[in-house]
Amino acid sequence: MSVIANKEKDLFINEQIRAKEVMVIGPNGEQLGIKPIKDALTLANYAGFDLVLMSPNANPQVCKIMDYNKFKYESKKKNKENLKKQRENNLEMKEYRLSVSIDIHDFDTRVRNSSKYLEKGHKIKVSIRFKGREMAHPELGKEVLLRFAESLNEISVIEQKPTMDGRFMTMILMPKKEK
């Protein structure tokens, strides 16, 4: 008889277990030894819990006496917390390029677009590429970057101050933490 897999990778419980003998672990983690499946089910019913198949590939298979619904609830809660942490770590970084002689409307457009991105919780990398004689005046580029940061100071903070790297000057902004 083939058993159709449960919806969410659920473990086999109680009468779903098809082994003849199983290693039984008690509700407090103590080993109760190898028992026939009927005895293990009787022990679980007597304790008021479920018999859950924890390790189907072991020889003999390992079952634990536990409250299955509580176990499922806690594992869902743990998975949700892990996903939340993963999302926090996988924030994207969007790069916006400016120039030393950027027009005011282009500047405002980039500020508007980057503010939308910051509100989603992502970081912003703002860079300026110096061309030709602009290399002689990096302070002009720094001024543009600081003005960009100033226009977004209500929703962001400077994570990395403007630094020169070859022909590029970069700065990283991150969203403010809400309290």
N, C-alpha and C. Protein backbone atom coordinates (compact mmCIF):
# COMPACT_ATOMS: atom_id res chain seq x y z
N MET A 1 0.85 -1.19 0.00
CA MET A 1 0.00 0.00 0.00
C MET A 1 0.89 1.24 0.00
N SER A 2 0.66 2.13 -0.93
CA SER A 2 1.44 3.36 -0.95
C SER A 2 0.67 4.46 -0.24
N VAL A 3 1.40 5.25 0.53
CA VAL A 3 0.78 6.32 1.29
C VAL A 3 1.01 7.63 0.55
N ILE A 4 -0.06 8.37 0.34
CA ILE A 4 0.06 9.67 -0.32
C ILE A 4 0.65 10.65 0.67
N ALA A 5 1.63 11.42 0.21
CA ALA A 5 2.31 12.38 1.10
C ALA A 5 1.33 13.43 1.57
N ASN A 6 1.50 13.82 2.80
CA ASN A 6 0.65 14.87 3.36
C ASN A 6 0.97 16.20 2.71
N LYS A 7 0.09 17.18 2.92
CA LYS A 7 0.22 18.48 2.26
C LYS A 7 1.55 19.15 2.53
N GLU A 8 1.91 19.30 3.79
CA GLU A 8 3.07 20.11 4.13
C GLU A 8 4.20 19.31 4.76
N LYS A 9 4.68 18.30 4.11
CA LYS A 9 5.80 17.51 4.63
C LYS A 9 5.55 17.12 6.09
N ASP A 10 4.30 16.84 6.41
CA ASP A 10 3.96 16.46 7.77
C ASP A 10 4.58 15.10 8.10
N LEU A 11 4.77 14.87 9.36
CA LEU A 11 5.30 13.60 9.84
C LEU A 11 4.13 12.63 10.00
N PHE A 12 4.43 11.34 9.95
CA PHE A 12 3.39 10.34 10.17
C PHE A 12 3.09 10.28 11.66
N ILE A 13 1.80 10.18 11.99
CA ILE A 13 1.42 10.11 13.41
C ILE A 13 0.48 8.93 13.64
N ASN A 14 0.52 8.42 14.84
CA ASN A 14 -0.37 7.35 15.34
C ASN A 14 -0.54 6.20 14.35
N GLU A 15 -1.76 6.00 13.82
CA GLU A 15 -2.05 4.83 12.97
C GLU A 15 -1.42 4.93 11.58
N GLN A 16 -0.87 6.10 11.21
CA GLN A 16 -0.21 6.23 9.90
C GLN A 16 1.13 5.51 9.88
N ILE A 17 1.70 5.23 11.02
CA ILE A 17 3.01 4.58 11.11
C ILE A 17 2.84 3.10 10.77
N ARG A 18 3.63 2.59 9.83
CA ARG A 18 3.47 1.24 9.31
C ARG A 18 4.57 0.27 9.77
N ALA A 19 5.46 0.68 10.64
CA ALA A 19 6.54 -0.20 11.09
C ALA A 19 6.01 -1.20 12.12
N LYS A 20 6.69 -2.35 12.25
CA LYS A 20 6.27 -3.35 13.24
C LYS A 20 6.83 -3.01 14.61
N GLU A 21 8.10 -2.59 14.62
CA GLU A 21 8.75 -2.22 15.88
C GLU A 21 9.38 -0.83 15.72
N VAL A 22 9.33 -0.05 16.78
CA VAL A 22 9.89 1.29 16.74
C VAL A 22 10.66 1.58 18.02
N MET A 23 11.65 2.45 17.91
CA MET A 23 12.36 2.97 19.09
C MET A 23 11.51 4.11 19.62
N VAL A 24 11.11 4.04 20.87
CA VAL A 24 10.19 5.02 21.44
C VAL A 24 10.95 5.98 22.34
N ILE A 25 10.70 7.27 22.15
CA ILE A 25 11.26 8.32 23.00
C ILE A 25 10.10 8.97 23.72
N GLY A 26 10.22 9.12 25.02
CA GLY A 26 9.14 9.65 25.84
C GLY A 26 8.94 11.15 25.66
N PRO A 27 7.89 11.70 26.28
CA PRO A 27 7.58 13.12 26.13
C PRO A 27 8.66 14.04 26.71
N ASN A 28 9.46 13.54 27.65
CA ASN A 28 10.52 14.36 28.25
C ASN A 28 11.89 14.07 27.65
N GLY A 29 11.93 13.29 26.56
CA GLY A 29 13.19 13.01 25.88
C GLY A 29 13.88 11.74 26.34
N GLU A 30 13.27 10.99 27.26
CA GLU A 30 13.90 9.76 27.74
C GLU A 30 13.61 8.62 26.76
N GLN A 31 14.58 7.73 26.59
CA GLN A 31 14.41 6.60 25.69
C GLN A 31 13.67 5.49 26.42
N LEU A 32 12.60 5.00 25.80
CA LEU A 32 11.80 3.94 26.40
C LEU A 32 12.11 2.58 25.79
N GLY A 33 12.99 2.56 24.80
CA GLY A 33 13.43 1.30 24.20
C GLY A 33 12.65 0.95 22.94
N ILE A 34 12.99 -0.23 22.38
CA ILE A 34 12.34 -0.72 21.16
C ILE A 34 11.08 -1.46 21.57
N LYS A 35 9.95 -1.06 20.99
CA LYS A 35 8.66 -1.64 21.36
C LYS A 35 7.86 -1.94 20.10
N PRO A 36 6.96 -2.91 20.18
CA PRO A 36 6.02 -3.13 19.07
C PRO A 36 5.14 -1.89 18.90
N ILE A 37 4.66 -1.66 17.69
CA ILE A 37 3.91 -0.43 17.40
C ILE A 37 2.65 -0.32 18.24
N LYS A 38 1.98 -1.47 18.53
CA LYS A 38 0.76 -1.43 19.35
C LYS A 38 1.06 -0.94 20.77
N ASP A 39 2.19 -1.42 21.34
CA ASP A 39 2.56 -0.98 22.69
C ASP A 39 2.90 0.51 22.70
N ALA A 40 3.59 0.96 21.66
CA ALA A 40 3.97 2.37 21.57
C ALA A 40 2.73 3.26 21.47
N LEU A 41 1.74 2.82 20.67
CA LEU A 41 0.49 3.58 20.54
C LEU A 41 -0.27 3.61 21.88
N THR A 42 -0.24 2.49 22.59
CA THR A 42 -0.90 2.43 23.89
C THR A 42 -0.24 3.39 24.87
N LEU A 43 1.11 3.42 24.87
CA LEU A 43 1.83 4.35 25.75
C LEU A 43 1.46 5.80 25.43
N ALA A 44 1.40 6.14 24.13
CA ALA A 44 1.09 7.50 23.72
C ALA A 44 -0.33 7.88 24.14
N ASN A 45 -1.29 6.96 23.92
CA ASN A 45 -2.67 7.24 24.32
C ASN A 45 -2.79 7.40 25.83
N TYR A 46 -2.08 6.56 26.57
CA TYR A 46 -2.11 6.63 28.03
C TYR A 46 -1.57 7.97 28.53
N ALA A 47 -0.53 8.49 27.84
CA ALA A 47 0.06 9.78 28.23
C ALA A 47 -0.78 10.96 27.72
N GLY A 48 -1.73 10.69 26.82
CA GLY A 48 -2.57 11.76 26.29
C GLY A 48 -1.91 12.53 25.16
N PHE A 49 -0.92 11.91 24.51
CA PHE A 49 -0.19 12.55 23.41
C PHE A 49 -0.31 11.72 22.15
N ASP A 50 0.39 12.16 21.10
CA ASP A 50 0.44 11.44 19.83
C ASP A 50 1.78 10.74 19.71
N LEU A 51 1.79 9.66 18.93
CA LEU A 51 3.04 8.98 18.59
C LEU A 51 3.46 9.50 17.22
N VAL A 52 4.62 10.18 17.14
CA VAL A 52 5.05 10.84 15.91
C VAL A 52 6.32 10.18 15.40
N LEU A 53 6.32 9.79 14.12
CA LEU A 53 7.48 9.17 13.50
C LEU A 53 8.50 10.26 13.18
N MET A 54 9.60 10.30 13.93
CA MET A 54 10.60 11.37 13.78
C MET A 54 11.67 11.01 12.75
N SER A 55 12.09 9.74 12.74
CA SER A 55 13.17 9.33 11.84
C SER A 55 12.76 8.06 11.11
N PRO A 56 12.12 8.21 9.93
CA PRO A 56 11.64 7.02 9.21
C PRO A 56 12.74 6.20 8.56
N ASN A 57 13.92 6.75 8.36
CA ASN A 57 15.00 6.04 7.68
C ASN A 57 15.90 5.27 8.63
N ALA A 58 15.73 5.47 9.92
CA ALA A 58 16.58 4.78 10.89
C ALA A 58 16.13 3.33 11.02
N ASN A 59 17.01 2.50 11.58
CA ASN A 59 16.67 1.11 11.78
C ASN A 59 16.91 0.75 13.23
N PRO A 60 15.95 0.57 14.07
CA PRO A 60 14.52 0.68 13.83
C PRO A 60 14.09 2.15 13.75
N GLN A 61 12.90 2.36 13.19
CA GLN A 61 12.39 3.72 13.07
C GLN A 61 12.19 4.34 14.45
N VAL A 62 12.43 5.67 14.54
CA VAL A 62 12.36 6.36 15.82
C VAL A 62 11.06 7.15 15.90
N CYS A 63 10.31 6.93 16.99
CA CYS A 63 9.06 7.64 17.23
C CYS A 63 9.15 8.37 18.55
N LYS A 64 8.46 9.49 18.64
CA LYS A 64 8.46 10.26 19.87
C LYS A 64 7.03 10.51 20.32
N ILE A 65 6.84 10.43 21.61
CA ILE A 65 5.53 10.72 22.18
C ILE A 65 5.49 12.22 22.48
N MET A 66 4.58 12.94 21.80
CA MET A 66 4.50 14.40 21.97
C MET A 66 3.14 14.91 21.55
N ASP A 67 2.87 16.18 21.86
CA ASP A 67 1.66 16.85 21.40
C ASP A 67 1.96 17.34 19.98
N TYR A 68 1.40 16.67 18.98
CA TYR A 68 1.75 16.94 17.59
C TYR A 68 1.32 18.33 17.14
N ASN A 69 0.13 18.77 17.55
CA ASN A 69 -0.34 20.10 17.13
C ASN A 69 0.55 21.20 17.69
N LYS A 70 1.00 21.04 18.93
CA LYS A 70 1.91 22.02 19.53
C LYS A 70 3.25 22.03 18.77
N PHE A 71 3.73 20.84 18.42
CA PHE A 71 4.98 20.70 17.66
C PHE A 71 4.87 21.41 16.31
N LYS A 72 3.73 21.19 15.60
CA LYS A 72 3.52 21.82 14.29
C LYS A 72 3.46 23.34 14.43
N TYR A 73 2.76 23.82 15.46
CA TYR A 73 2.62 25.26 15.69
C TYR A 73 3.98 25.90 15.94
N GLU A 74 4.79 25.27 16.80
CA GLU A 74 6.10 25.84 17.12
C GLU A 74 7.04 25.81 15.93
N SER A 75 6.97 24.75 15.11
CA SER A 75 7.85 24.70 13.93
C SER A 75 7.43 25.74 12.89
N LYS A 76 6.12 25.98 12.74
CA LYS A 76 5.67 27.04 11.82
C LYS A 76 6.14 28.41 12.30
N LYS A 77 6.04 28.62 13.62
CA LYS A 77 6.46 29.88 14.21
C LYS A 77 7.97 30.09 13.99
N LYS A 78 8.75 29.02 14.17
CA LYS A 78 10.20 29.10 13.98
C LYS A 78 10.54 29.39 12.51
N ASN A 79 9.84 28.73 11.58
CA ASN A 79 10.08 28.97 10.15
C ASN A 79 9.74 30.40 9.77
N LYS A 80 8.66 30.92 10.32
CA LYS A 80 8.26 32.29 10.03
C LYS A 80 9.31 33.28 10.53
N GLU A 81 9.85 33.02 11.73
CA GLU A 81 10.89 33.88 12.30
C GLU A 81 12.17 33.82 11.45
N ASN A 82 12.53 32.62 10.98
CA ASN A 82 13.71 32.46 10.14
C ASN A 82 13.55 33.20 8.82
N LEU A 83 12.35 33.14 8.23
CA LEU A 83 12.10 33.87 6.98
C LEU A 83 12.21 35.38 7.19
N LYS A 84 11.72 35.84 8.33
CA LYS A 84 11.80 37.27 8.64
C LYS A 84 13.25 37.72 8.74
N LYS A 85 14.08 36.92 9.44
CA LYS A 85 15.50 37.24 9.56
C LYS A 85 16.18 37.21 8.20
N GLN A 86 15.80 36.23 7.38
CA GLN A 86 16.40 36.09 6.05
C GLN A 86 16.06 37.31 5.20
N ARG A 87 14.81 37.77 5.29
CA ARG A 87 14.42 38.95 4.52
C ARG A 87 15.20 40.18 4.94
N GLU A 88 15.45 40.32 6.26
CA GLU A 88 16.21 41.46 6.75
C GLU A 88 17.64 41.43 6.23
N ASN A 89 18.21 40.22 6.11
CA ASN A 89 19.59 40.10 5.64
C ASN A 89 19.72 40.25 4.13
N ASN A 90 18.65 39.98 3.42
CA ASN A 90 18.72 40.01 1.96
C ASN A 90 18.17 41.30 1.36
N LEU A 91 18.33 42.38 2.07
CA LEU A 91 17.86 43.65 1.51
C LEU A 91 18.70 44.01 0.29
N GLU A 92 18.03 44.53 -0.69
CA GLU A 92 18.73 44.90 -1.92
C GLU A 92 19.38 46.27 -1.78
N MET A 93 20.36 46.52 -2.64
CA MET A 93 20.98 47.84 -2.67
C MET A 93 20.83 48.37 -4.09
N LYS A 94 20.20 49.52 -4.20
CA LYS A 94 19.99 50.14 -5.49
C LYS A 94 21.04 51.24 -5.64
N GLU A 95 21.61 51.35 -6.83
CA GLU A 95 22.62 52.38 -7.07
C GLU A 95 22.04 53.49 -7.93
N TYR A 96 22.28 54.71 -7.51
CA TYR A 96 21.89 55.89 -8.27
C TYR A 96 23.15 56.65 -8.64
N ARG A 97 23.28 56.98 -9.93
CA ARG A 97 24.45 57.71 -10.39
C ARG A 97 24.09 59.16 -10.62
N LEU A 98 24.91 60.00 -10.08
CA LEU A 98 24.75 61.43 -10.27
C LEU A 98 25.98 61.95 -11.00
N SER A 99 25.96 63.21 -11.36
CA SER A 99 27.16 63.83 -11.92
C SER A 99 27.39 65.15 -11.20
N VAL A 100 28.59 65.68 -11.35
CA VAL A 100 28.93 66.93 -10.68
C VAL A 100 28.03 68.05 -11.17
N SER A 101 27.71 68.03 -12.46
CA SER A 101 26.90 69.11 -13.04
C SER A 101 25.47 68.64 -13.32
N ILE A 102 24.86 67.98 -12.34
CA ILE A 102 23.51 67.45 -12.53
C ILE A 102 22.48 68.58 -12.48
N ASP A 103 21.49 68.49 -13.34
CA ASP A 103 20.43 69.49 -13.40
C ASP A 103 19.50 69.31 -12.20
N ILE A 104 18.86 70.35 -11.76
CA ILE A 104 18.03 70.33 -10.57
C ILE A 104 16.85 69.36 -10.72
N HIS A 105 16.25 69.28 -11.94
CA HIS A 105 15.12 68.39 -12.15
C HIS A 105 15.55 66.93 -12.12
N ASP A 106 16.70 66.62 -12.73
CA ASP A 106 17.24 65.26 -12.68
C ASP A 106 17.55 64.87 -11.24
N PHE A 107 18.10 65.81 -10.50
CA PHE A 107 18.43 65.59 -9.09
C PHE A 107 17.16 65.27 -8.30
N ASP A 108 16.10 66.08 -8.50
CA ASP A 108 14.84 65.87 -7.78
C ASP A 108 14.20 64.53 -8.13
N THR A 109 14.30 64.13 -9.40
CA THR A 109 13.75 62.85 -9.83
C THR A 109 14.46 61.70 -9.13
N ARG A 110 15.78 61.76 -9.06
CA ARG A 110 16.54 60.70 -8.38
C ARG A 110 16.24 60.66 -6.88
N VAL A 111 16.05 61.84 -6.28
CA VAL A 111 15.69 61.90 -4.86
C VAL A 111 14.33 61.25 -4.65
N ARG A 112 13.38 61.56 -5.52
CA ARG A 112 12.02 61.01 -5.40
C ARG A 112 12.04 59.48 -5.55
N ASN A 113 12.76 58.98 -6.57
CA ASN A 113 12.83 57.54 -6.80
C ASN A 113 13.53 56.83 -5.65
N SER A 114 14.61 57.42 -5.16
CA SER A 114 15.35 56.77 -4.08
C SER A 114 14.56 56.79 -2.78
N SER A 115 13.73 57.82 -2.57
CA SER A 115 12.93 57.85 -1.34
C SER A 115 11.91 56.71 -1.34
N LYS A 116 11.35 56.38 -2.49
CA LYS A 116 10.42 55.25 -2.59
C LYS A 116 11.15 53.95 -2.24
N TYR A 117 12.36 53.83 -2.72
CA TYR A 117 13.14 52.62 -2.48
C TYR A 117 13.54 52.52 -1.00
N LEU A 118 13.90 53.64 -0.40
CA LEU A 118 14.27 53.65 1.02
C LEU A 118 13.07 53.30 1.90
N GLU A 119 11.88 53.75 1.52
CA GLU A 119 10.68 53.46 2.30
C GLU A 119 10.35 51.98 2.30
N LYS A 120 10.79 51.25 1.27
CA LYS A 120 10.60 49.81 1.25
C LYS A 120 11.59 49.10 2.18
N GLY A 121 12.58 49.84 2.69
CA GLY A 121 13.54 49.25 3.62
C GLY A 121 14.86 48.86 2.99
N HIS A 122 15.11 49.25 1.75
CA HIS A 122 16.34 48.91 1.06
C HIS A 122 17.39 50.00 1.24
N LYS A 123 18.64 49.64 0.98
CA LYS A 123 19.73 50.62 1.05
C LYS A 123 19.93 51.26 -0.32
N ILE A 124 20.56 52.42 -0.31
CA ILE A 124 20.83 53.17 -1.54
C ILE A 124 22.33 53.44 -1.62
N LYS A 125 22.89 53.18 -2.80
CA LYS A 125 24.29 53.55 -3.05
C LYS A 125 24.25 54.68 -4.07
N VAL A 126 24.79 55.81 -3.69
CA VAL A 126 24.80 56.98 -4.57
C VAL A 126 26.25 57.19 -5.02
N SER A 127 26.45 57.32 -6.32
CA SER A 127 27.83 57.49 -6.80
C SER A 127 27.90 58.60 -7.84
N ILE A 128 29.08 59.18 -7.91
CA ILE A 128 29.37 60.22 -8.90
C ILE A 128 30.62 59.77 -9.64
N ARG A 129 30.57 59.82 -10.97
CA ARG A 129 31.74 59.49 -11.78
C ARG A 129 32.34 60.81 -12.27
N PHE A 130 33.60 61.00 -11.95
CA PHE A 130 34.28 62.22 -12.37
C PHE A 130 34.86 62.02 -13.75
N LYS A 131 34.62 63.00 -14.64
CA LYS A 131 35.13 62.92 -16.00
C LYS A 131 36.14 64.05 -16.22
N GLY A 132 37.22 63.73 -16.85
CA GLY A 132 38.20 64.74 -17.27
C GLY A 132 38.66 65.66 -16.15
N ARG A 133 38.42 66.95 -16.34
CA ARG A 133 38.91 67.96 -15.39
C ARG A 133 38.12 68.00 -14.09
N GLU A 134 37.00 67.29 -14.05
CA GLU A 134 36.23 67.23 -12.81
C GLU A 134 37.04 66.56 -11.69
N MET A 135 38.03 65.74 -12.08
CA MET A 135 38.88 65.06 -11.10
C MET A 135 39.65 66.05 -10.23
N ALA A 136 39.87 67.24 -10.73
CA ALA A 136 40.61 68.25 -9.98
C ALA A 136 39.77 68.85 -8.86
N HIS A 137 38.45 68.64 -8.90
CA HIS A 137 37.57 69.25 -7.89
C HIS A 137 36.63 68.21 -7.27
N PRO A 138 37.17 67.27 -6.50
CA PRO A 138 36.29 66.26 -5.88
C PRO A 138 35.35 66.86 -4.83
N GLU A 139 35.69 68.03 -4.32
CA GLU A 139 34.81 68.65 -3.31
C GLU A 139 33.45 69.01 -3.90
N LEU A 140 33.39 69.28 -5.22
CA LEU A 140 32.10 69.57 -5.86
C LEU A 140 31.21 68.32 -5.86
N GLY A 141 31.82 67.16 -6.11
CA GLY A 141 31.07 65.91 -6.08
C GLY A 141 30.59 65.58 -4.68
N LYS A 142 31.47 65.83 -3.70
CA LYS A 142 31.10 65.57 -2.31
C LYS A 142 29.92 66.46 -1.90
N GLU A 143 29.94 67.69 -2.40
CA GLU A 143 28.86 68.64 -2.11
C GLU A 143 27.53 68.12 -2.67
N VAL A 144 27.55 67.57 -3.88
CA VAL A 144 26.34 67.03 -4.51
C VAL A 144 25.82 65.83 -3.70
N LEU A 145 26.73 64.95 -3.28
CA LEU A 145 26.33 63.77 -2.51
C LEU A 145 25.73 64.17 -1.15
N LEU A 146 26.35 65.13 -0.49
CA LEU A 146 25.84 65.56 0.80
C LEU A 146 24.49 66.27 0.66
N ARG A 147 24.31 66.99 -0.45
CA ARG A 147 23.02 67.64 -0.70
C ARG A 147 21.94 66.58 -0.94
N PHE A 148 22.33 65.48 -1.63
CA PHE A 148 21.42 64.36 -1.87
C PHE A 148 21.00 63.73 -0.54
N ALA A 149 21.99 63.50 0.33
CA ALA A 149 21.70 62.92 1.65
C ALA A 149 20.84 63.86 2.48
N GLU A 150 21.11 65.16 2.38
CA GLU A 150 20.35 66.15 3.14
C GLU A 150 18.88 66.16 2.71
N SER A 151 18.63 65.98 1.41
CA SER A 151 17.25 65.99 0.93
C SER A 151 16.49 64.73 1.35
N LEU A 152 17.21 63.68 1.75
CA LEU A 152 16.57 62.44 2.20
C LEU A 152 16.76 62.20 3.70
N ASN A 153 17.18 63.23 4.46
CA ASN A 153 17.53 63.02 5.86
C ASN A 153 16.36 62.66 6.76
N GLU A 154 15.12 62.87 6.31
CA GLU A 154 13.96 62.51 7.13
C GLU A 154 13.71 61.02 7.13
N ILE A 155 14.10 60.32 6.05
CA ILE A 155 13.83 58.88 5.96
C ILE A 155 15.09 58.03 5.92
N SER A 156 16.28 58.66 5.90
CA SER A 156 17.50 57.87 5.81
C SER A 156 18.63 58.48 6.63
N VAL A 157 19.63 57.64 6.86
CA VAL A 157 20.86 58.08 7.52
C VAL A 157 22.04 57.63 6.66
N ILE A 158 23.13 58.33 6.80
CA ILE A 158 24.32 57.98 6.02
C ILE A 158 25.01 56.80 6.71
N GLU A 159 25.12 55.69 5.99
CA GLU A 159 25.83 54.52 6.53
C GLU A 159 27.32 54.64 6.25
N GLN A 160 27.64 55.06 5.04
CA GLN A 160 29.05 55.24 4.66
C GLN A 160 29.18 56.63 4.06
N LYS A 161 30.04 57.44 4.64
CA LYS A 161 30.25 58.81 4.16
C LYS A 161 30.87 58.77 2.77
N PRO A 162 30.79 59.88 2.02
CA PRO A 162 31.36 59.90 0.67
C PRO A 162 32.85 59.57 0.67
N THR A 163 33.22 58.56 -0.10
CA THR A 163 34.63 58.15 -0.21
C THR A 163 35.00 58.08 -1.68
N MET A 164 36.25 58.41 -1.96
CA MET A 164 36.77 58.41 -3.32
C MET A 164 37.34 57.03 -3.63
N ASP A 165 37.01 56.49 -4.79
CA ASP A 165 37.52 55.20 -5.23
C ASP A 165 37.81 55.31 -6.73
N GLY A 166 39.03 55.66 -7.05
CA GLY A 166 39.39 55.87 -8.46
C GLY A 166 38.69 57.10 -8.99
N ARG A 167 37.90 56.93 -10.07
CA ARG A 167 37.16 58.05 -10.65
C ARG A 167 35.77 58.20 -10.02
N PHE A 168 35.43 57.33 -9.08
CA PHE A 168 34.10 57.35 -8.47
C PHE A 168 34.15 57.83 -7.03
N MET A 169 33.13 58.56 -6.63
CA MET A 169 32.92 58.89 -5.23
C MET A 169 31.58 58.28 -4.86
N THR A 170 31.58 57.44 -3.81
CA THR A 170 30.35 56.74 -3.44
C THR A 170 29.95 57.05 -2.01
N MET A 171 28.66 56.90 -1.75
CA MET A 171 28.10 57.09 -0.43
C MET A 171 26.93 56.10 -0.31
N ILE A 172 26.74 55.54 0.89
CA ILE A 172 25.65 54.59 1.10
C ILE A 172 24.69 55.16 2.12
N LEU A 173 23.40 55.14 1.76
CA LEU A 173 22.33 55.58 2.66
C LEU A 173 21.49 54.38 3.06
N MET A 174 21.06 54.36 4.32
CA MET A 174 20.17 53.29 4.75
C MET A 174 18.95 53.90 5.42
N PRO A 175 17.83 53.20 5.39
CA PRO A 175 16.61 53.77 5.97
C PRO A 175 16.75 53.90 7.49
N LYS A 176 16.07 54.90 8.05
CA LYS A 176 16.08 55.09 9.50
C LYS A 176 15.29 53.97 10.14
N LYS A 177 15.75 53.52 11.30
CA LYS A 177 15.02 52.50 12.06
C LYS A 177 13.84 53.16 12.74
N GLU A 178 12.68 52.52 12.63
CA GLU A 178 11.50 53.05 13.30
C GLU A 178 11.45 52.52 14.71
N LYS A 179 11.10 53.38 15.65
CA LYS A 179 11.06 52.97 17.06
C LYS A 179 9.65 52.69 17.49
